[in-house]
Amino acid sequence: MEEHVLATPIGAVRYRVENGRLSDLSFTTDAAPSRPKDPIGKLLAAYFAGDLKALRRIPVLLRGTPFLAAVWRELRRLRPGKTLSYKELARRVGRPTAVRAVARANACNKIALVVPCHRVIGSDGKLVGYSYGVERKAWLLRHEGATSFTPPPGP
């Protein structure tokens, strides 16, 4: 297993690679970033530089129950700049009444950003439920060109 830290416009990202696949990714404040030399790091850097399709080219290692994996696979199908509600995501995975379980699946996502849980918003268009803060979620959505959400209140 390899561990790397990448500087991004919204903070350092720590990620782990196992057998060439991304197994973990999170924002961090406790590590010094370096220039990406590995293929996954280069794709992450490309995403932040504007290549929004780069995230889809990252091979991932999904660990979870069949339900969790179904939610995460559906999230990976969602294109940059598009959003959907937790309710719609539950419907898409064939469990229309499992809105809370879908929200929990997002919270259990160990590959945030690449499994793009930031693209899931409340039914009312508000930004809710992002482990790394709604400000980061709003930045990511703006970066991807999304317009169908209500940004958090400004300072």
Foldseek 3Di string as FASTA:
>chain_A
DDWAWAQAPVAIKIWDDDPQATEAIDGDDPDDHDQDDDPLSVLVVVCRVQPVCSLLVGHHDDDDDPLLVLLLVVLLVDGQQAAEELQVSCVVSPRNVPSVVSLVSLVVDRHDPSSDPLRYDHPVQERDRDPVDQVVSVVRNVSSVHDRHDRDDDD
